[in-house]
Amino acid sequence: MALSVYVHIPFCEKKCNYCDFNSFANMEEHYENYIDALVVEIRNCPELKDSNIVTIFIGGGTPSVLPSKYVCKIMNTLSSFKIAEDAEITIEANPNSLTREKLLDYKSFGINRLSVGLQAYQEHLLKIMGRLHSAKDFLICIDAAHSAGFSNISADLIFALPSQSLDNWEESLNAAIRANLKHISCYGLTIEENTPFYNDYKPIDENIDRQMYYRAVELLAAHGFSQYEISNFAKENFPSRHNCAYWERSNYIGVGLSAHSLYNNVRFENTNNLELYMKNVNQPQNIIRLTQKDIMEEFIFLGLRMMKGISIEEFREEFGTDIYNIYGDIIRKNTSNGLLEIEDNRIKLTQKGIDLSNIVLSEFI
């Protein structure tokens, strides 16, 4: 059985001012105990034993803060299971912690894809976000990655930042385009509670937010990046196979603190308590056995995030009924409103539908 694996590293050098992820700064003393616990969880994971691992994603946090020996330990443990020869193996990194030595180590461990956090190309915006790297650091690390033999490199960008202008955003996009990347993710800022941004900033004007999004779609398309998901753009043959596994509801296992899994229509998650995780690994905090209704809803609201939309025929094959028997009124309403369209027996969000995707998708739940 094909399986994707997510490995969570909850450590970083500094929490960014917009980040509400389960991650911790200045916790070097816990690295070894955490990796030891992670290795035990991987070794004891029953779903890995009879699977063919097709993607691995080491995320966080900032995995590149770890000394290479710990990444090696993770990869060696995973390598005791069956990994497909053409597996996509990604590690997330920040420019300030990604050295040439680490890049060469990653290559030797079998890692073949990098996801680098650029976020913005202007020093004042990087400072507002609490990022530790400069724009120059990004260019240096991308050059080092290319010279180390990495060809599949992605960068993350954030738009709708406080004080960010449309020109700023276009400059960030162009910097990423010039860096000879295969993949670019463009995320609109969400100001979350319990972050410094929550008290300090208000969301940017919605019209400016949409202008930035449209500019990304237009500019990236002009440089050969196809939009395959609401926030993701790739050169031909280079979409994130790991992320597609999430949106297509393929089986995936998450290991590490607060990691989530979907396996045979059962969702489960690990504890989000670091001390408990290091003492008591492989004990899911929560198990959800999905009903037929749950699975249908996920099929739709995850599938509609992708530009190809959802297949009417695949829905019928999966659930033994026509999608219109269940959701016909919702589909017809949103089609007549110009938020959904039917093309080649697939249901997709229109551009207007993307702008209002939260509203459209919520109607199916």
Protein backbone atom coordinates (compact mmCIF):
# COMPACT_ATOMS: atom_id res chain seq x y z
CA MET A 1 0.00 0.00 0.00
CA ALA A 2 1.31 3.46 -0.94
CA LEU A 3 1.88 5.64 2.12
CA SER A 4 3.07 9.17 2.84
CA VAL A 5 4.92 9.99 6.06
CA TYR A 6 5.07 13.33 7.84
CA VAL A 7 7.77 13.81 10.50
CA HIS A 8 7.23 16.72 12.88
CA ILE A 9 10.22 18.59 14.32
CA PRO A 10 8.83 21.10 16.84
CA PHE A 11 12.00 23.15 17.27
CA CYS A 12 13.07 26.50 15.82
CA GLU A 13 15.59 29.22 16.58
CA LYS A 14 12.88 31.79 17.26
CA LYS A 15 9.10 31.78 17.05
CA CYS A 16 7.93 34.05 14.25
CA ASN A 17 5.49 36.75 15.28
CA TYR A 18 2.66 35.27 13.21
CA CYS A 19 3.21 31.60 14.11
CA ASP A 20 0.76 29.57 16.19
CA PHE A 21 2.22 26.15 15.33
CA ASN A 22 3.20 23.75 18.08
CA SER A 23 6.88 24.66 18.06
CA PHE A 24 9.48 25.84 20.56
CA ALA A 25 12.58 28.02 20.47
CA ASN A 26 15.75 27.63 22.51
CA MET A 27 15.13 23.98 23.36
CA GLU A 28 18.42 22.47 22.24
CA GLU A 29 18.68 20.43 25.43
CA HIS A 30 15.62 18.43 24.30
CA TYR A 31 16.81 17.57 20.80
CA GLU A 32 18.32 14.20 21.64
CA ASN A 33 15.45 12.98 23.85
CA TYR A 34 12.91 14.05 21.27
CA ILE A 35 14.67 12.32 18.38
CA ASP A 36 15.06 9.17 20.49
CA ALA A 37 11.31 9.19 21.18
CA LEU A 38 10.59 9.85 17.51
CA VAL A 39 12.75 6.89 16.45
CA VAL A 40 10.88 4.61 18.86
CA GLU A 41 7.55 5.78 17.46
CA ILE A 42 8.67 5.18 13.88
CA ARG A 43 10.01 1.70 14.67
CA ASN A 44 6.76 0.75 16.42
CA CYS A 45 4.43 2.20 13.80
CA PRO A 46 2.43 -0.79 12.47
CA GLU A 47 1.21 1.08 9.39
CA LEU A 48 4.77 1.39 8.09
CA LYS A 49 5.50 -2.33 8.11
CA ASP A 50 3.50 -3.37 5.05
CA SER A 51 3.56 -0.10 3.13
CA ASN A 52 5.50 1.40 0.26
CA ILE A 53 6.55 4.88 1.37
CA VAL A 54 6.10 7.22 -1.59
CA THR A 55 6.65 10.60 0.10
CA ILE A 56 8.35 11.78 3.27
CA PHE A 57 8.04 15.33 4.57
CA ILE A 58 10.19 16.48 7.51
CA GLY A 59 8.47 19.64 8.72
CA GLY A 60 8.12 21.81 11.76
CA GLY A 61 9.10 24.08 13.34
CA THR A 62 12.35 24.38 11.50
CA PRO A 63 13.98 20.98 10.92
CA SER A 64 17.14 22.61 9.57
CA VAL A 65 18.02 23.83 13.09
CA LEU A 66 18.82 20.24 14.01
CA PRO A 67 22.40 19.02 13.74
CA SER A 68 22.66 16.69 10.75
CA LYS A 69 23.21 13.63 12.94
CA TYR A 70 19.59 13.79 14.09
CA VAL A 71 18.21 14.05 10.55
CA CYS A 72 20.44 11.09 9.67
CA LYS A 73 18.95 9.12 12.55
CA ILE A 74 15.41 9.83 11.32
CA MET A 75 16.21 8.83 7.74
CA ASN A 76 18.09 5.70 8.80
CA THR A 77 15.10 4.61 10.87
CA LEU A 78 12.67 5.21 8.02
CA SER A 79 15.02 3.38 5.66
CA SER A 80 14.43 0.17 7.59
CA PHE A 81 11.01 0.18 5.91
CA LYS A 82 10.27 0.06 2.19
CA ILE A 83 10.80 3.42 0.48
CA ALA A 84 9.95 3.74 -3.21
CA GLU A 85 12.92 4.37 -5.48
CA ASP A 86 11.30 7.55 -6.80
CA ALA A 87 10.02 8.72 -3.40
CA GLU A 88 9.75 12.47 -2.89
CA ILE A 89 11.63 13.27 0.34
CA THR A 90 11.37 16.86 1.57
CA ILE A 91 12.85 18.79 4.46
CA GLU A 92 11.76 22.26 5.52
CA ALA A 93 14.47 24.82 6.13
CA ASN A 94 15.07 28.47 6.90
CA PRO A 95 17.85 30.33 5.07
CA ASN A 96 19.79 31.25 8.22
CA SER A 97 20.12 27.62 9.39
CA LEU A 98 20.76 25.95 6.04
CA THR A 99 24.50 25.50 5.50
CA ARG A 100 26.37 23.87 2.63
CA GLU A 101 27.48 21.11 5.01
CA LYS A 102 23.90 20.34 5.98
CA LEU A 103 22.80 20.38 2.35
CA LEU A 104 25.46 17.85 1.41
CA ASP A 105 24.45 15.73 4.39
CA TYR A 106 20.79 15.85 3.35
CA LYS A 107 21.68 14.64 -0.13
CA SER A 108 23.66 11.76 1.31
CA PHE A 109 20.66 10.79 3.48
CA GLY A 110 18.43 10.52 0.40
CA ILE A 111 16.57 13.82 0.82
CA ASN A 112 15.79 15.19 -2.66
CA ARG A 113 13.52 18.18 -2.10
CA LEU A 114 13.86 21.40 -0.09
CA SER A 115 11.09 23.67 1.15
CA VAL A 116 12.66 27.00 2.10
CA GLY A 117 10.91 29.72 4.09
CA LEU A 118 11.52 33.03 2.31
CA GLN A 119 8.18 34.68 3.29
CA ALA A 120 9.21 38.15 2.07
CA TYR A 121 12.11 39.81 0.29
CA GLN A 122 12.11 43.13 2.17
CA GLU A 123 14.17 43.58 5.31
CA HIS A 124 11.51 45.65 7.08
CA LEU A 125 8.88 42.95 6.52
CA LEU A 126 11.24 40.19 7.66
CA LYS A 127 11.84 42.21 10.83
CA ILE A 128 8.11 42.72 11.42
CA MET A 129 7.60 38.96 11.10
CA GLY A 130 10.45 38.23 13.50
CA ARG A 131 12.44 36.31 10.88
CA LEU A 132 16.14 35.82 11.59
CA HIS A 133 17.32 35.74 7.96
CA SER A 134 17.85 38.44 5.37
CA ALA A 135 16.98 38.47 1.70
CA LYS A 136 20.67 37.95 0.98
CA ASP A 137 20.67 34.83 3.18
CA PHE A 138 17.91 33.39 0.98
CA LEU A 139 19.93 33.92 -2.19
CA ILE A 140 23.05 32.41 -0.62
CA CYS A 141 21.23 29.31 0.60
CA ILE A 142 19.48 28.73 -2.74
CA ASP A 143 22.82 28.99 -4.57
CA ALA A 144 24.32 26.55 -2.08
CA ALA A 145 21.38 24.16 -2.56
CA HIS A 146 21.80 24.18 -6.33
CA SER A 147 25.54 23.62 -6.05
CA ALA A 148 24.92 20.73 -3.62
CA GLY A 149 22.81 19.04 -6.29
CA PHE A 150 19.26 19.96 -5.30
CA SER A 151 17.04 20.69 -8.29
CA ASN A 152 13.62 20.34 -6.64
CA ILE A 153 13.38 23.42 -4.42
CA SER A 154 10.27 25.18 -3.15
CA ALA A 155 9.88 28.52 -1.39
CA ASP A 156 7.09 29.81 0.84
CA LEU A 157 5.87 33.40 0.53
CA ILE A 158 3.32 35.30 2.62
CA PHE A 159 1.09 38.10 1.33
CA ALA A 160 -1.27 40.52 3.10
CA LEU A 161 1.43 41.29 5.68
CA PRO A 162 1.21 44.46 7.80
CA SER A 163 2.53 47.46 5.80
CA GLN A 164 3.24 45.26 2.76
CA SER A 165 2.59 47.05 -0.53
CA LEU A 166 1.65 45.49 -3.85
CA ASP A 167 5.12 46.48 -5.11
CA ASN A 168 6.70 44.70 -2.13
CA TRP A 169 4.73 41.59 -2.96
CA GLU A 170 5.68 41.68 -6.62
CA GLU A 171 9.35 42.12 -5.69
CA SER A 172 9.15 39.03 -3.43
CA LEU A 173 7.54 37.00 -6.19
CA ASN A 174 10.19 38.07 -8.70
CA ALA A 175 12.97 37.18 -6.27
CA ALA A 176 11.54 33.68 -5.93
CA ILE A 177 11.10 33.35 -9.70
CA ARG A 178 14.71 34.42 -10.36
CA ALA A 179 15.96 31.81 -7.88
CA ASN A 180 15.23 29.01 -10.39
CA LEU A 181 12.75 27.19 -8.16
CA LYS A 182 10.43 24.37 -9.15
CA HIS A 183 7.65 25.25 -6.70
CA ILE A 184 6.30 28.34 -4.94
CA SER A 185 3.64 28.48 -2.21
CA CYS A 186 1.79 31.76 -1.63
CA TYR A 187 -0.13 32.00 1.63
CA GLY A 188 -2.35 34.84 2.71
CA LEU A 189 -1.57 35.94 6.26
CA THR A 190 -4.02 34.75 8.90
CA ILE A 191 -3.66 36.63 12.18
CA GLU A 192 -4.06 34.03 14.90
CA GLU A 193 -4.79 34.46 18.59
CA ASN A 194 -1.89 33.95 21.01
CA THR A 195 0.62 35.44 18.58
CA PRO A 196 2.31 38.85 18.78
CA PHE A 197 0.56 39.82 15.53
CA TYR A 198 -2.86 39.38 17.16
CA ASN A 199 -2.41 42.35 19.49
CA ASP A 200 -0.27 44.48 17.20
CA TYR A 201 -1.93 44.32 13.78
CA LYS A 202 -5.27 44.27 12.01
CA PRO A 203 -5.91 42.24 8.85
CA ILE A 204 -5.01 44.06 5.64
CA ASP A 205 -7.81 45.46 3.46
CA GLU A 206 -9.54 42.61 1.65
CA ASN A 207 -9.28 44.33 -1.74
CA ILE A 208 -5.49 44.61 -1.38
CA ASP A 209 -5.33 40.98 -0.26
CA ARG A 210 -7.14 39.90 -3.43
CA GLN A 211 -5.00 42.14 -5.65
CA MET A 212 -1.89 40.46 -4.25
CA TYR A 213 -3.34 37.01 -4.84
CA TYR A 214 -4.34 37.79 -8.44
CA ARG A 215 -0.90 39.26 -9.09
CA ALA A 216 0.74 36.05 -7.88
CA VAL A 217 -1.46 33.91 -10.13
CA GLU A 218 -0.75 36.14 -13.15
CA LEU A 219 2.98 36.60 -12.61
CA LEU A 220 3.73 32.97 -11.77
CA ALA A 221 1.75 31.74 -14.78
CA ALA A 222 3.77 34.06 -17.01
CA HIS A 223 6.95 32.34 -15.77
CA GLY A 224 5.82 28.77 -16.26
CA PHE A 225 4.30 27.98 -12.85
CA SER A 226 0.96 26.20 -13.05
CA GLN A 227 -1.47 26.71 -10.20
CA TYR A 228 -2.53 23.27 -9.02
CA GLU A 229 -4.01 24.21 -5.64
CA ILE A 230 -5.41 27.41 -4.15
CA SER A 231 -2.05 28.45 -2.67
CA ASN A 232 0.45 26.35 -4.63
CA PHE A 233 2.21 26.76 -7.97
CA ALA A 234 4.67 24.43 -9.68
CA LYS A 235 6.71 23.96 -12.80
CA GLU A 236 5.62 21.03 -14.94
CA ASN A 237 5.96 17.69 -13.12
CA PHE A 238 6.90 19.37 -9.83
CA PRO A 239 3.79 19.72 -7.66
CA SER A 240 4.30 18.68 -4.06
CA ARG A 241 3.36 15.01 -4.17
CA HIS A 242 3.23 14.93 -0.39
CA ASN A 243 0.72 17.76 -0.10
CA CYS A 244 -1.35 16.26 -2.90
CA ALA A 245 -1.63 13.12 -0.77
CA TYR A 246 -3.41 15.22 1.87
CA TRP A 247 -5.83 16.84 -0.58
CA GLU A 248 -6.55 13.55 -2.34
CA ARG A 249 -7.09 11.73 0.97
CA SER A 250 -4.37 9.18 0.37
CA ASN A 251 -3.13 7.25 3.40
CA TYR A 252 -0.56 9.17 5.42
CA ILE A 253 1.03 8.73 8.81
CA GLY A 254 2.26 11.59 10.97
CA VAL A 255 4.95 10.90 13.55
CA GLY A 256 6.17 13.30 16.21
CA LEU A 257 4.58 15.81 18.53
CA SER A 258 0.95 16.71 17.62
CA ALA A 259 1.28 14.90 14.27
CA HIS A 260 -1.94 13.90 12.47
CA SER A 261 -2.63 10.78 10.42
CA LEU A 262 -5.25 9.40 8.05
CA TYR A 263 -5.16 5.64 7.53
CA ASN A 264 -8.01 3.54 6.16
CA ASN A 265 -10.48 6.34 6.95
CA VAL A 266 -9.39 6.61 10.57
CA ARG A 267 -7.94 9.94 11.70
CA PHE A 268 -5.68 10.10 14.73
CA GLU A 269 -3.28 12.55 16.31
CA ASN A 270 -0.43 12.45 18.78
CA THR A 271 -0.31 14.40 22.00
CA ASN A 272 0.70 18.08 21.77
CA ASN A 273 2.50 17.93 25.13
CA LEU A 274 6.25 17.75 24.53
CA GLU A 275 7.15 16.22 27.89
CA LEU A 276 4.41 13.58 27.59
CA TYR A 277 5.45 12.75 24.02
CA MET A 278 9.05 12.14 25.03
CA LYS A 279 7.91 9.85 27.86
CA ASN A 280 5.03 8.01 26.22
CA VAL A 281 5.40 7.75 22.46
CA ASN A 282 3.01 6.08 20.03
CA GLN A 283 -0.08 6.86 22.14
CA PRO A 284 -2.58 8.78 19.98
CA GLN A 285 -4.34 11.54 21.87
CA ASN A 286 -7.46 11.26 19.77
CA ILE A 287 -8.88 8.68 17.36
CA ILE A 288 -11.74 9.50 14.98
CA ARG A 289 -13.35 6.76 12.93
CA LEU A 290 -14.88 8.63 10.04
CA THR A 291 -18.46 8.05 9.00
CA GLN A 292 -19.53 7.82 5.36
CA LYS A 293 -20.78 11.42 5.67
CA ASP A 294 -17.40 12.56 7.06
CA ILE A 295 -15.56 10.90 4.18
CA MET A 296 -17.85 12.46 1.57
CA GLU A 297 -17.36 15.91 3.09
CA GLU A 298 -13.58 15.53 3.15
CA PHE A 299 -13.58 14.24 -0.43
CA ILE A 300 -15.30 17.46 -1.48
CA PHE A 301 -13.73 20.22 0.63
CA LEU A 302 -10.19 18.86 0.24
CA GLY A 303 -10.62 18.04 -3.45
CA LEU A 304 -12.06 21.43 -4.31
CA ARG A 305 -8.87 23.09 -3.04
CA MET A 306 -7.16 21.67 -6.11
CA MET A 307 -7.56 23.38 -9.48
CA LYS A 308 -8.58 20.11 -11.12
CA GLY A 309 -11.49 19.90 -8.69
CA ILE A 310 -13.34 16.70 -7.92
CA SER A 311 -14.37 13.96 -10.32
CA ILE A 312 -18.08 13.17 -10.48
CA GLU A 313 -17.21 9.66 -11.61
CA GLU A 314 -14.70 9.09 -8.79
CA PHE A 315 -17.33 10.17 -6.26
CA ARG A 316 -19.75 7.61 -7.71
CA GLU A 317 -17.10 4.87 -7.62
CA GLU A 318 -16.06 5.75 -4.06
CA PHE A 319 -19.51 6.09 -2.53
CA GLY A 320 -21.85 4.14 -4.80
CA THR A 321 -24.14 7.06 -5.50
CA ASP A 322 -24.26 10.14 -7.71
CA ILE A 323 -22.89 13.29 -6.09
CA TYR A 324 -26.06 15.13 -7.12
CA ASN A 325 -28.14 12.75 -4.99
CA ILE A 326 -26.37 14.10 -1.92
CA TYR A 327 -25.21 17.61 -2.78
CA GLY A 328 -27.22 18.52 -5.87
CA ASP A 329 -28.90 21.61 -4.38
CA ILE A 330 -25.58 23.01 -3.12
CA ILE A 331 -23.81 22.35 -6.43
CA ARG A 332 -26.62 23.90 -8.51
CA LYS A 333 -26.82 26.95 -6.24
CA ASN A 334 -23.08 27.64 -6.36
CA THR A 335 -22.90 26.94 -10.09
CA SER A 336 -25.67 29.46 -10.78
CA ASN A 337 -23.89 31.98 -8.50
CA GLY A 338 -20.69 31.59 -10.52
CA LEU A 339 -18.74 30.02 -7.65
CA LEU A 340 -18.53 26.49 -9.08
CA GLU A 341 -18.23 25.23 -12.64
CA ILE A 342 -18.58 21.83 -14.29
CA GLU A 343 -15.96 20.90 -16.87
CA ASP A 344 -14.96 17.50 -18.23
CA ASN A 345 -17.17 15.77 -15.65
CA ARG A 346 -15.34 17.54 -12.83
CA ILE A 347 -16.61 20.14 -10.34
CA LYS A 348 -14.23 23.05 -9.74
CA LEU A 349 -14.10 26.38 -7.98
CA THR A 350 -14.19 29.38 -10.31
CA GLN A 351 -11.89 32.34 -9.67
CA LYS A 352 -14.75 34.01 -7.82
CA GLY A 353 -15.28 30.74 -5.97
CA ILE A 354 -11.64 30.72 -4.86
CA ASP A 355 -12.09 34.21 -3.41
CA LEU A 356 -15.08 32.93 -1.44
CA SER A 357 -13.80 29.40 -0.93
CA ASN A 358 -14.36 29.34 2.82
CA ILE A 359 -18.03 30.11 2.27
CA VAL A 360 -18.45 27.63 -0.59
CA LEU A 361 -16.65 24.76 1.15
CA SER A 362 -18.54 25.31 4.41
CA GLU A 363 -21.82 24.60 2.60
CA PHE A 364 -20.76 21.00 2.03
CA ILE A 365 -20.15 20.38 5.74
